[in-house]
Amino acid sequence: SYLYMNQDIKMIEVVTSSNQQKRCTLADGTTILLNSCTKVTYPSKFKDSTRIVTLEGEAYFSVASDSAKPFIVKTSNLSVRVLGTKFNISAYPTNDRTIATLNSGKIQVEIQSRNSDSKYILKPNQEIVINKIDNSVLINTVTGENSTWKDGSLVFQDATFNDIVNTIERRYGITVDYNKQAFLNTPYTIKFIHNESLEDILNVLQDV
């Protein structure tokens, strides 16, 4: 859908549904790969001193370098500022955690909260995890597994059961009914990397 700003620039919105990925290329050459149930909004042209896009969901960014125009990704609770780099952001509104992971280059992550704004600089192979339940912030070293969703894998590292279920629901377009009170504040690390079926995944979760 298009929202016209003026005769020269229009806002472009790209949306994915369950079990769908889309790739879009921005006017500056930046590419964005969207995961399931994701929405990104960006202008048809970048004319300001910054390049700003908004994200709801999860996407992998390969940002075209332009030192004169920093690239900024805005989500509901954080803002990521870069010049040219590759990184992944998972910012689903229903998830317990928002995660930004850097593969190359350098990014500045600004966490926007009611009390104050905090800024963090990430180096390659680092990720910042913002826990929306207790407002904690962690910076971890990663091995690149954050974006395995691009290849169809499902990798959960210290994830809440709620986030795991949300991911499965988005991937397979289903609704999982379970007792949420039975899975509070327990981290799980589970990897599905061989294109397991929904039945296989649910059987593993049942065993866990």
N, C-alpha and C. Protein backbone atom coordinates (compact mmCIF):
# COMPACT_ATOMS: atom_id res chain seq x y z
N SER A 1 0.85 -1.18 0.00
CA SER A 1 0.00 0.00 0.00
C SER A 1 0.89 1.23 0.00
N TYR A 2 0.36 2.31 -0.49
CA TYR A 2 1.14 3.52 -0.63
C TYR A 2 0.46 4.68 0.08
N LEU A 3 1.24 5.44 0.86
CA LEU A 3 0.76 6.66 1.49
C LEU A 3 1.56 7.82 0.90
N TYR A 4 0.92 8.68 0.16
CA TYR A 4 1.63 9.72 -0.56
C TYR A 4 2.01 10.87 0.37
N MET A 5 3.30 11.24 0.37
CA MET A 5 3.78 12.37 1.15
C MET A 5 3.75 13.64 0.30
N ASN A 6 4.21 13.52 -0.94
CA ASN A 6 4.14 14.63 -1.90
C ASN A 6 4.24 14.01 -3.29
N GLN A 7 4.44 14.85 -4.30
CA GLN A 7 4.44 14.34 -5.66
C GLN A 7 5.67 13.50 -5.97
N ASP A 8 6.76 13.69 -5.22
CA ASP A 8 8.01 13.00 -5.54
C ASP A 8 8.26 11.77 -4.68
N ILE A 9 7.84 11.80 -3.41
CA ILE A 9 8.17 10.72 -2.49
C ILE A 9 6.89 10.08 -1.96
N LYS A 10 6.87 8.76 -1.96
CA LYS A 10 5.75 8.03 -1.36
C LYS A 10 6.29 7.02 -0.38
N MET A 11 5.51 6.71 0.63
CA MET A 11 5.90 5.71 1.62
C MET A 11 5.45 4.34 1.12
N ILE A 12 6.39 3.40 1.13
CA ILE A 12 6.13 2.05 0.66
C ILE A 12 6.05 1.11 1.86
N GLU A 13 5.03 0.28 1.89
CA GLU A 13 4.84 -0.68 2.97
C GLU A 13 4.88 -2.10 2.40
N VAL A 14 5.76 -2.93 2.95
CA VAL A 14 5.88 -4.31 2.52
C VAL A 14 5.51 -5.21 3.70
N VAL A 15 4.60 -6.15 3.47
CA VAL A 15 4.08 -7.00 4.54
C VAL A 15 4.19 -8.47 4.12
N THR A 16 4.56 -9.32 5.09
CA THR A 16 4.57 -10.76 4.84
C THR A 16 3.52 -11.44 5.72
N SER A 17 3.03 -12.57 5.26
CA SER A 17 2.07 -13.36 6.03
C SER A 17 2.77 -14.56 6.65
N SER A 18 2.01 -15.48 7.23
CA SER A 18 2.59 -16.66 7.85
C SER A 18 3.37 -17.49 6.83
N ASN A 19 4.51 -18.02 7.26
CA ASN A 19 5.35 -18.88 6.42
C ASN A 19 5.69 -18.24 5.08
N GLN A 20 5.99 -16.94 5.12
CA GLN A 20 6.34 -16.21 3.89
C GLN A 20 7.54 -15.32 4.15
N GLN A 21 8.42 -15.23 3.15
CA GLN A 21 9.54 -14.31 3.19
C GLN A 21 9.49 -13.43 1.95
N LYS A 22 9.92 -12.19 2.10
CA LYS A 22 10.00 -11.28 0.96
C LYS A 22 11.30 -10.51 1.03
N ARG A 23 11.83 -10.20 -0.16
CA ARG A 23 13.02 -9.38 -0.25
C ARG A 23 12.67 -8.08 -0.99
N CYS A 24 13.11 -6.96 -0.44
CA CYS A 24 12.87 -5.69 -1.12
C CYS A 24 14.17 -4.91 -1.19
N THR A 25 14.29 -4.09 -2.22
CA THR A 25 15.49 -3.27 -2.43
C THR A 25 15.10 -1.81 -2.37
N LEU A 26 15.79 -1.05 -1.54
CA LEU A 26 15.49 0.36 -1.37
C LEU A 26 16.21 1.19 -2.43
N ALA A 27 15.86 2.45 -2.49
CA ALA A 27 16.40 3.33 -3.53
C ALA A 27 17.92 3.47 -3.44
N ASP A 28 18.49 3.32 -2.24
CA ASP A 28 19.93 3.48 -2.07
C ASP A 28 20.70 2.19 -2.31
N GLY A 29 20.00 1.10 -2.63
CA GLY A 29 20.64 -0.18 -2.85
C GLY A 29 20.60 -1.11 -1.66
N THR A 30 20.12 -0.63 -0.52
CA THR A 30 19.96 -1.48 0.66
C THR A 30 18.94 -2.57 0.38
N THR A 31 19.23 -3.80 0.84
CA THR A 31 18.27 -4.89 0.68
C THR A 31 17.77 -5.32 2.06
N ILE A 32 16.49 -5.69 2.12
CA ILE A 32 15.86 -6.15 3.35
C ILE A 32 15.16 -7.47 3.06
N LEU A 33 15.46 -8.48 3.86
CA LEU A 33 14.76 -9.76 3.77
C LEU A 33 13.83 -9.86 4.96
N LEU A 34 12.52 -9.96 4.70
CA LEU A 34 11.52 -9.99 5.75
C LEU A 34 11.18 -11.42 6.12
N ASN A 35 11.10 -11.68 7.43
CA ASN A 35 10.63 -12.96 7.93
C ASN A 35 9.10 -12.97 7.96
N SER A 36 8.50 -14.07 8.42
CA SER A 36 7.05 -14.20 8.47
C SER A 36 6.41 -13.12 9.33
N CYS A 37 5.20 -12.72 8.96
CA CYS A 37 4.38 -11.79 9.74
C CYS A 37 5.15 -10.53 10.11
N THR A 38 5.78 -9.93 9.11
CA THR A 38 6.62 -8.75 9.31
C THR A 38 6.15 -7.61 8.42
N LYS A 39 6.37 -6.38 8.88
CA LYS A 39 6.03 -5.20 8.09
C LYS A 39 7.16 -4.18 8.16
N VAL A 40 7.60 -3.70 7.01
CA VAL A 40 8.57 -2.61 6.95
C VAL A 40 7.97 -1.47 6.13
N THR A 41 8.30 -0.26 6.52
CA THR A 41 7.83 0.93 5.83
C THR A 41 9.03 1.82 5.55
N TYR A 42 9.14 2.29 4.29
CA TYR A 42 10.28 3.11 3.91
C TYR A 42 9.88 4.03 2.76
N PRO A 43 10.60 5.14 2.56
CA PRO A 43 10.26 6.06 1.47
C PRO A 43 10.80 5.57 0.13
N SER A 44 10.14 5.98 -0.93
CA SER A 44 10.60 5.60 -2.27
C SER A 44 11.93 6.25 -2.62
N LYS A 45 12.23 7.38 -1.98
CA LYS A 45 13.51 8.06 -2.15
C LYS A 45 13.97 8.60 -0.80
N PHE A 46 15.30 8.65 -0.61
CA PHE A 46 15.85 9.25 0.60
C PHE A 46 16.37 10.63 0.25
N LYS A 47 15.69 11.66 0.76
CA LYS A 47 16.11 13.03 0.47
C LYS A 47 16.61 13.77 1.70
N ASP A 48 16.37 13.22 2.89
CA ASP A 48 16.83 13.87 4.11
C ASP A 48 18.27 13.48 4.41
N SER A 49 18.78 13.98 5.54
CA SER A 49 20.15 13.68 5.94
C SER A 49 20.28 12.29 6.55
N THR A 50 19.14 11.62 6.81
CA THR A 50 19.15 10.26 7.32
C THR A 50 18.23 9.38 6.48
N ARG A 51 18.49 8.08 6.53
CA ARG A 51 17.64 7.10 5.84
C ARG A 51 16.89 6.33 6.91
N ILE A 52 15.59 6.55 7.02
CA ILE A 52 14.81 5.97 8.11
C ILE A 52 13.79 4.98 7.57
N VAL A 53 13.77 3.78 8.18
CA VAL A 53 12.74 2.79 7.90
C VAL A 53 12.16 2.33 9.23
N THR A 54 10.93 1.86 9.22
CA THR A 54 10.31 1.33 10.44
C THR A 54 10.05 -0.16 10.25
N LEU A 55 10.16 -0.89 11.37
CA LEU A 55 10.04 -2.35 11.33
C LEU A 55 9.12 -2.84 12.43
N GLU A 56 8.26 -3.76 12.05
CA GLU A 56 7.47 -4.52 13.02
C GLU A 56 7.59 -5.99 12.63
N GLY A 57 8.30 -6.76 13.45
CA GLY A 57 8.56 -8.15 13.10
C GLY A 57 10.05 -8.43 13.06
N GLU A 58 10.49 -9.22 12.08
CA GLU A 58 11.90 -9.59 11.99
C GLU A 58 12.39 -9.43 10.56
N ALA A 59 13.60 -8.89 10.40
CA ALA A 59 14.16 -8.69 9.07
C ALA A 59 15.68 -8.67 9.14
N TYR A 60 16.30 -9.06 8.02
CA TYR A 60 17.75 -9.02 7.88
C TYR A 60 18.10 -7.90 6.91
N PHE A 61 18.99 -7.00 7.35
CA PHE A 61 19.34 -5.81 6.57
C PHE A 61 20.76 -5.90 6.03
N SER A 62 20.92 -5.60 4.74
CA SER A 62 22.23 -5.39 4.13
C SER A 62 22.24 -3.95 3.65
N VAL A 63 22.84 -3.08 4.46
CA VAL A 63 22.72 -1.64 4.24
C VAL A 63 23.82 -1.12 3.32
N ALA A 64 23.42 -0.39 2.29
CA ALA A 64 24.37 0.25 1.38
C ALA A 64 25.10 1.36 2.12
N SER A 65 26.41 1.42 1.95
CA SER A 65 27.23 2.40 2.67
C SER A 65 26.99 3.81 2.13
N ASP A 66 26.79 4.75 3.04
CA ASP A 66 26.65 6.17 2.69
C ASP A 66 26.95 6.97 3.95
N SER A 67 28.20 7.40 4.10
CA SER A 67 28.62 8.09 5.32
C SER A 67 27.88 9.41 5.54
N ALA A 68 27.34 9.98 4.47
CA ALA A 68 26.63 11.26 4.60
C ALA A 68 25.19 11.07 5.06
N LYS A 69 24.67 9.84 4.94
CA LYS A 69 23.27 9.58 5.32
C LYS A 69 23.20 8.31 6.17
N PRO A 70 23.30 8.44 7.48
CA PRO A 70 23.16 7.25 8.35
C PRO A 70 21.82 6.57 8.13
N PHE A 71 21.83 5.25 8.25
CA PHE A 71 20.63 4.43 8.07
C PHE A 71 20.07 4.10 9.45
N ILE A 72 18.77 4.33 9.66
CA ILE A 72 18.15 4.14 10.96
C ILE A 72 16.93 3.23 10.82
N VAL A 73 16.90 2.18 11.65
CA VAL A 73 15.73 1.29 11.72
C VAL A 73 15.04 1.55 13.04
N LYS A 74 13.76 1.88 12.97
CA LYS A 74 12.99 2.15 14.18
C LYS A 74 11.98 1.06 14.43
N THR A 75 11.93 0.58 15.68
CA THR A 75 10.91 -0.37 16.12
C THR A 75 10.16 0.27 17.29
N SER A 76 9.27 -0.50 17.92
CA SER A 76 8.46 0.07 18.99
C SER A 76 9.28 0.45 20.21
N ASN A 77 10.42 -0.23 20.45
CA ASN A 77 11.18 0.07 21.67
C ASN A 77 12.67 0.26 21.47
N LEU A 78 13.14 0.28 20.22
CA LEU A 78 14.54 0.60 20.01
C LEU A 78 14.76 1.21 18.63
N SER A 79 15.91 1.86 18.51
CA SER A 79 16.32 2.47 17.25
C SER A 79 17.75 2.04 16.96
N VAL A 80 18.00 1.55 15.74
CA VAL A 80 19.32 1.08 15.35
C VAL A 80 19.87 2.01 14.28
N ARG A 81 21.07 2.55 14.52
CA ARG A 81 21.68 3.52 13.61
C ARG A 81 22.96 2.93 13.03
N VAL A 82 23.08 2.97 11.69
CA VAL A 82 24.25 2.39 11.02
C VAL A 82 24.67 3.28 9.87
N LEU A 83 25.87 3.00 9.34
CA LEU A 83 26.34 3.65 8.11
C LEU A 83 26.31 2.67 6.96
N GLY A 84 26.82 1.47 7.18
CA GLY A 84 26.78 0.42 6.17
C GLY A 84 27.18 -0.88 6.82
N THR A 85 26.26 -1.84 6.83
CA THR A 85 26.52 -3.05 7.59
C THR A 85 25.46 -4.10 7.32
N LYS A 86 25.60 -5.28 7.98
CA LYS A 86 24.62 -6.35 7.88
C LYS A 86 24.20 -6.75 9.28
N PHE A 87 22.90 -6.77 9.52
CA PHE A 87 22.42 -7.08 10.86
C PHE A 87 20.99 -7.61 10.79
N ASN A 88 20.58 -8.21 11.91
CA ASN A 88 19.24 -8.79 12.01
C ASN A 88 18.52 -8.15 13.20
N ILE A 89 17.24 -7.86 13.02
CA ILE A 89 16.43 -7.34 14.11
C ILE A 89 15.18 -8.19 14.24
N SER A 90 14.91 -8.65 15.46
CA SER A 90 13.67 -9.35 15.77
C SER A 90 12.89 -8.49 16.75
N ALA A 91 11.77 -7.93 16.29
CA ALA A 91 11.01 -6.99 17.12
C ALA A 91 9.51 -7.23 16.94
N TYR A 92 9.10 -8.45 17.24
CA TYR A 92 7.67 -8.77 17.16
C TYR A 92 6.97 -8.23 18.41
N PRO A 93 5.85 -7.55 18.25
CA PRO A 93 5.14 -6.98 19.41
C PRO A 93 4.71 -8.02 20.44
N THR A 94 4.42 -9.25 19.99
CA THR A 94 3.93 -10.28 20.92
C THR A 94 5.06 -11.06 21.59
N ASN A 95 6.31 -10.85 21.18
CA ASN A 95 7.42 -11.58 21.78
C ASN A 95 7.87 -10.93 23.09
N ASP A 96 8.48 -11.73 23.96
CA ASP A 96 8.97 -11.22 25.24
C ASP A 96 10.28 -10.47 25.10
N ARG A 97 11.00 -10.70 23.98
CA ARG A 97 12.31 -10.09 23.81
C ARG A 97 12.41 -9.39 22.44
N THR A 98 13.15 -8.30 22.42
CA THR A 98 13.55 -7.66 21.17
C THR A 98 15.06 -7.85 21.04
N ILE A 99 15.50 -8.32 19.85
CA ILE A 99 16.91 -8.68 19.68
C ILE A 99 17.46 -8.03 18.41
N ALA A 100 18.61 -7.39 18.56
CA ALA A 100 19.35 -6.86 17.41
C ALA A 100 20.71 -7.54 17.38
N THR A 101 21.06 -8.12 16.23
CA THR A 101 22.30 -8.89 16.11
C THR A 101 23.12 -8.36 14.94
N LEU A 102 24.39 -8.11 15.20
CA LEU A 102 25.27 -7.53 14.19
C LEU A 102 26.17 -8.60 13.58
N ASN A 103 26.19 -8.68 12.24
CA ASN A 103 27.07 -9.61 11.54
C ASN A 103 28.36 -8.93 11.08
N SER A 104 28.26 -7.70 10.58
CA SER A 104 29.45 -6.98 10.13
C SER A 104 29.23 -5.49 10.27
N GLY A 105 30.33 -4.75 10.40
CA GLY A 105 30.23 -3.31 10.55
C GLY A 105 30.06 -2.91 12.00
N LYS A 106 29.30 -1.85 12.24
CA LYS A 106 29.07 -1.36 13.59
C LYS A 106 27.71 -0.68 13.63
N ILE A 107 26.97 -0.91 14.72
CA ILE A 107 25.68 -0.26 14.88
C ILE A 107 25.56 0.34 16.27
N GLN A 108 24.76 1.39 16.34
CA GLN A 108 24.42 1.99 17.63
C GLN A 108 22.96 1.70 17.91
N VAL A 109 22.70 1.07 19.05
CA VAL A 109 21.33 0.70 19.43
C VAL A 109 20.88 1.62 20.55
N GLU A 110 19.77 2.29 20.33
CA GLU A 110 19.19 3.17 21.34
C GLU A 110 17.88 2.57 21.84
N ILE A 111 17.84 2.27 23.13
CA ILE A 111 16.64 1.69 23.74
C ILE A 111 15.76 2.81 24.26
N GLN A 112 14.54 2.82 23.80
CA GLN A 112 13.62 3.88 24.18
C GLN A 112 12.65 3.36 25.23
N SER A 113 12.72 3.94 26.42
CA SER A 113 11.85 3.54 27.51
C SER A 113 11.20 4.77 28.12
N ARG A 114 10.28 4.53 29.04
CA ARG A 114 9.59 5.64 29.68
C ARG A 114 10.53 6.47 30.55
N ASN A 115 11.51 5.81 31.16
CA ASN A 115 12.37 6.50 32.10
C ASN A 115 13.52 7.23 31.43
N SER A 116 14.20 6.55 30.51
CA SER A 116 15.37 7.17 29.88
C SER A 116 15.70 6.42 28.60
N ASP A 117 16.59 7.03 27.82
CA ASP A 117 17.08 6.40 26.60
C ASP A 117 18.52 5.95 26.82
N SER A 118 18.81 4.69 26.51
CA SER A 118 20.15 4.15 26.69
C SER A 118 20.72 3.77 25.33
N LYS A 119 22.01 4.03 25.13
CA LYS A 119 22.66 3.74 23.86
C LYS A 119 23.77 2.72 24.05
N TYR A 120 23.86 1.78 23.09
CA TYR A 120 24.88 0.74 23.11
C TYR A 120 25.50 0.64 21.73
N ILE A 121 26.81 0.38 21.69
CA ILE A 121 27.53 0.15 20.44
C ILE A 121 27.82 -1.34 20.32
N LEU A 122 27.39 -1.95 19.22
CA LEU A 122 27.65 -3.37 19.00
C LEU A 122 28.77 -3.57 18.00
N LYS A 123 29.59 -4.58 18.27
CA LYS A 123 30.63 -5.00 17.36
C LYS A 123 30.17 -6.26 16.63
N PRO A 124 30.85 -6.64 15.54
CA PRO A 124 30.45 -7.86 14.82
C PRO A 124 30.34 -9.07 15.73
N ASN A 125 29.33 -9.90 15.48
CA ASN A 125 29.05 -11.11 16.24
C ASN A 125 28.62 -10.82 17.68
N GLN A 126 28.01 -9.66 17.88
CA GLN A 126 27.38 -9.35 19.14
C GLN A 126 25.89 -9.12 18.93
N GLU A 127 25.11 -9.41 19.96
CA GLU A 127 23.68 -9.12 19.90
C GLU A 127 23.25 -8.49 21.21
N ILE A 128 22.25 -7.63 21.12
CA ILE A 128 21.67 -7.02 22.30
C ILE A 128 20.27 -7.58 22.46
N VAL A 129 19.95 -8.01 23.67
CA VAL A 129 18.66 -8.63 23.98
C VAL A 129 17.95 -7.77 25.01
N ILE A 130 16.80 -7.22 24.63
CA ILE A 130 16.00 -6.42 25.54
C ILE A 130 14.81 -7.25 26.00
N ASN A 131 14.77 -7.55 27.28
CA ASN A 131 13.69 -8.35 27.86
C ASN A 131 12.55 -7.41 28.25
N LYS A 132 11.41 -7.57 27.61
CA LYS A 132 10.29 -6.68 27.86
C LYS A 132 9.54 -7.02 29.14
N ILE A 133 9.85 -8.17 29.73
CA ILE A 133 9.18 -8.56 30.97
C ILE A 133 9.79 -7.85 32.17
N ASP A 134 11.13 -7.89 32.26
CA ASP A 134 11.79 -7.26 33.42
C ASP A 134 12.67 -6.07 33.03
N ASN A 135 12.62 -5.66 31.74
CA ASN A 135 13.37 -4.50 31.24
C ASN A 135 14.89 -4.69 31.34
N SER A 136 15.35 -5.92 31.43
CA SER A 136 16.79 -6.16 31.47
C SER A 136 17.39 -6.09 30.07
N VAL A 137 18.69 -5.82 30.02
CA VAL A 137 19.43 -5.71 28.75
C VAL A 137 20.68 -6.56 28.84
N LEU A 138 20.87 -7.44 27.86
CA LEU A 138 22.06 -8.28 27.80
C LEU A 138 22.75 -8.10 26.46
N ILE A 139 24.08 -8.15 26.47
CA ILE A 139 24.86 -8.15 25.23
C ILE A 139 25.62 -9.48 25.18
N ASN A 140 25.34 -10.28 24.15
CA ASN A 140 25.92 -11.61 24.03
C ASN A 140 26.81 -11.70 22.79
N THR A 141 27.72 -12.66 22.82
CA THR A 141 28.50 -13.02 21.64
C THR A 141 27.77 -14.15 20.92
N VAL A 142 27.63 -14.03 19.61
CA VAL A 142 26.87 -15.01 18.83
C VAL A 142 27.73 -15.58 17.72
N THR A 143 27.19 -16.62 17.06
CA THR A 143 27.95 -17.32 16.01
C THR A 143 27.27 -17.22 14.65
N GLY A 144 26.31 -16.30 14.51
CA GLY A 144 25.64 -16.15 13.23
C GLY A 144 24.33 -16.90 13.14
N GLU A 145 23.98 -17.67 14.19
CA GLU A 145 22.76 -18.47 14.14
C GLU A 145 21.50 -17.63 14.30
N ASN A 146 21.65 -16.35 14.53
CA ASN A 146 20.49 -15.50 14.73
C ASN A 146 19.63 -15.39 13.48
N SER A 147 20.22 -15.54 12.31
CA SER A 147 19.48 -15.35 11.06
C SER A 147 19.30 -16.65 10.28
N THR A 148 19.35 -17.78 10.97
CA THR A 148 19.15 -19.06 10.28
C THR A 148 17.72 -19.20 9.75
N TRP A 149 16.82 -18.33 10.19
CA TRP A 149 15.45 -18.36 9.66
C TRP A 149 15.44 -18.14 8.16
N LYS A 150 16.47 -17.47 7.64
CA LYS A 150 16.54 -17.22 6.20
C LYS A 150 16.62 -18.52 5.41
N ASP A 151 17.18 -19.57 6.05
CA ASP A 151 17.33 -20.87 5.40
C ASP A 151 16.25 -21.85 5.83
N GLY A 152 15.27 -21.39 6.58
CA GLY A 152 14.18 -22.25 7.01
C GLY A 152 14.38 -22.90 8.36
N SER A 153 15.52 -22.66 9.02
CA SER A 153 15.77 -23.26 10.33
C SER A 153 15.09 -22.45 11.43
N LEU A 154 14.89 -23.10 12.57
CA LEU A 154 14.36 -22.44 13.75
C LEU A 154 15.34 -22.68 14.89
N VAL A 155 16.01 -21.61 15.33
CA VAL A 155 17.01 -21.72 16.39
C VAL A 155 16.60 -20.79 17.53
N PHE A 156 16.46 -21.35 18.72
CA PHE A 156 16.06 -20.58 19.89
C PHE A 156 17.18 -20.66 20.93
N GLN A 157 17.72 -19.50 21.32
CA GLN A 157 18.80 -19.44 22.30
C GLN A 157 18.29 -18.71 23.53
N ASP A 158 18.14 -19.45 24.63
CA ASP A 158 17.64 -18.86 25.89
C ASP A 158 16.34 -18.10 25.67
N ALA A 159 15.46 -18.67 24.86
CA ALA A 159 14.19 -18.03 24.52
C ALA A 159 13.11 -18.45 25.51
N THR A 160 12.15 -17.57 25.74
CA THR A 160 11.01 -17.95 26.56
C THR A 160 10.10 -18.87 25.75
N PHE A 161 9.31 -19.67 26.46
CA PHE A 161 8.40 -20.58 25.77
C PHE A 161 7.38 -19.79 24.95
N ASN A 162 7.00 -18.62 25.44
CA ASN A 162 6.06 -17.77 24.71
C ASN A 162 6.64 -17.36 23.36
N ASP A 163 7.92 -16.99 23.34
CA ASP A 163 8.55 -16.59 22.07
C ASP A 163 8.66 -17.77 21.12
N ILE A 164 8.95 -18.96 21.65
CA ILE A 164 9.03 -20.15 20.80
C ILE A 164 7.67 -20.44 20.17
N VAL A 165 6.63 -20.39 20.99
CA VAL A 165 5.28 -20.65 20.47
C VAL A 165 4.89 -19.60 19.44
N ASN A 166 5.18 -18.34 19.70
CA ASN A 166 4.85 -17.28 18.75
C ASN A 166 5.53 -17.51 17.41
N THR A 167 6.79 -17.94 17.44
CA THR A 167 7.52 -18.20 16.21
C THR A 167 6.89 -19.35 15.43
N ILE A 168 6.53 -20.41 16.12
CA ILE A 168 5.90 -21.55 15.47
C ILE A 168 4.55 -21.15 14.86
N GLU A 169 3.79 -20.35 15.58
CA GLU A 169 2.50 -19.89 15.07
C GLU A 169 2.67 -19.08 13.79
N ARG A 170 3.69 -18.21 13.77
CA ARG A 170 3.93 -17.40 12.57
C ARG A 170 4.43 -18.26 11.42
N ARG A 171 5.30 -19.21 11.71
CA ARG A 171 5.88 -20.04 10.66
C ARG A 171 4.82 -20.92 9.99
N TYR A 172 3.95 -21.52 10.79
CA TYR A 172 3.01 -22.50 10.24
C TYR A 172 1.57 -22.00 10.13
N GLY A 173 1.32 -20.75 10.54
CA GLY A 173 -0.02 -20.20 10.42
C GLY A 173 -1.04 -20.93 11.28
N ILE A 174 -0.64 -21.28 12.50
CA ILE A 174 -1.52 -22.01 13.41
C ILE A 174 -1.66 -21.24 14.71
N THR A 175 -2.50 -21.74 15.60
CA THR A 175 -2.63 -21.22 16.96
C THR A 175 -2.35 -22.36 17.94
N VAL A 176 -1.44 -22.12 18.87
CA VAL A 176 -1.09 -23.12 19.88
C VAL A 176 -1.78 -22.74 21.19
N ASP A 177 -2.56 -23.66 21.72
CA ASP A 177 -3.26 -23.44 22.99
C ASP A 177 -2.50 -24.15 24.10
N TYR A 178 -2.00 -23.41 25.07
CA TYR A 178 -1.24 -24.02 26.16
C TYR A 178 -1.40 -23.17 27.42
N ASN A 179 -1.01 -23.74 28.55
CA ASN A 179 -1.11 -23.05 29.83
C ASN A 179 0.11 -22.15 30.02
N LYS A 180 -0.06 -20.85 29.76
CA LYS A 180 1.07 -19.92 29.83
C LYS A 180 1.65 -19.81 31.23
N GLN A 181 0.83 -20.01 32.25
CA GLN A 181 1.32 -19.90 33.62
C GLN A 181 2.31 -21.00 33.98
N ALA A 182 2.31 -22.08 33.21
CA ALA A 182 3.21 -23.19 33.50
C ALA A 182 4.61 -22.99 32.91
N PHE A 183 4.82 -21.92 32.15
CA PHE A 183 6.10 -21.71 31.46
C PHE A 183 6.64 -20.31 31.69
N LEU A 184 6.55 -19.82 32.90
CA LEU A 184 7.00 -18.46 33.18
C LEU A 184 8.49 -18.42 33.49
N ASN A 185 9.20 -17.47 32.84
CA ASN A 185 10.60 -17.16 33.17
C ASN A 185 11.55 -18.35 33.06
N THR A 186 11.25 -19.28 32.19
CA THR A 186 12.15 -20.42 31.97
C THR A 186 12.77 -20.30 30.58
N PRO A 187 14.11 -20.20 30.48
CA PRO A 187 14.75 -20.10 29.16
C PRO A 187 14.94 -21.46 28.52
N TYR A 188 14.76 -21.52 27.22
CA TYR A 188 14.93 -22.76 26.47
C TYR A 188 15.88 -22.52 25.30
N THR A 189 16.76 -23.49 25.06
CA THR A 189 17.62 -23.47 23.88
C THR A 189 17.31 -24.72 23.06
N ILE A 190 16.72 -24.51 21.89
CA ILE A 190 16.30 -25.61 21.03
C ILE A 190 16.64 -25.24 19.58
N LYS A 191 17.10 -26.23 18.83
CA LYS A 191 17.46 -25.99 17.43
C LYS A 191 16.74 -26.97 16.52
N PHE A 192 16.04 -26.43 15.53
CA PHE A 192 15.43 -27.24 14.47
C PHE A 192 16.09 -26.80 13.16
N ILE A 193 17.00 -27.60 12.67
CA ILE A 193 17.82 -27.17 11.53
C ILE A 193 17.73 -28.12 10.34
N HIS A 194 16.78 -29.06 10.39
CA HIS A 194 16.68 -30.03 9.30
C HIS A 194 15.28 -30.02 8.68
N ASN A 195 14.66 -28.83 8.64
CA ASN A 195 13.33 -28.70 8.04
C ASN A 195 12.32 -29.67 8.66
N GLU A 196 12.34 -29.74 9.98
CA GLU A 196 11.41 -30.61 10.69
C GLU A 196 9.97 -30.20 10.41
N SER A 197 9.10 -31.18 10.44
CA SER A 197 7.68 -30.90 10.23
C SER A 197 7.09 -30.30 11.50
N LEU A 198 5.89 -29.74 11.37
CA LEU A 198 5.20 -29.20 12.53
C LEU A 198 4.99 -30.28 13.58
N GLU A 199 4.64 -31.49 13.14
CA GLU A 199 4.43 -32.59 14.08
C GLU A 199 5.71 -32.92 14.84
N ASP A 200 6.83 -32.94 14.12
CA ASP A 200 8.12 -33.22 14.77
C ASP A 200 8.43 -32.16 15.83
N ILE A 201 8.20 -30.90 15.47
CA ILE A 201 8.51 -29.79 16.39
C ILE A 201 7.64 -29.87 17.64
N LEU A 202 6.35 -30.13 17.45
CA LEU A 202 5.45 -30.21 18.61
C LEU A 202 5.79 -31.40 19.48
N ASN A 203 6.25 -32.50 18.88
CA ASN A 203 6.66 -33.66 19.68
C ASN A 203 7.88 -33.33 20.54
N VAL A 204 8.84 -32.58 19.98
CA VAL A 204 10.02 -32.18 20.75
C VAL A 204 9.62 -31.26 21.89
N LEU A 205 8.74 -30.29 21.61
CA LEU A 205 8.30 -29.39 22.67
C LEU A 205 7.56 -30.14 23.76
N GLN A 206 6.79 -31.15 23.37
CA GLN A 206 6.08 -31.96 24.35
C GLN A 206 7.08 -32.67 25.26
N ASP A 207 8.16 -33.22 24.67
CA ASP A 207 9.19 -33.88 25.48
C ASP A 207 9.88 -32.90 26.42
N VAL A 208 10.15 -31.70 25.91
CA VAL A 208 10.80 -30.67 26.75
C VAL A 208 9.89 -30.31 27.92
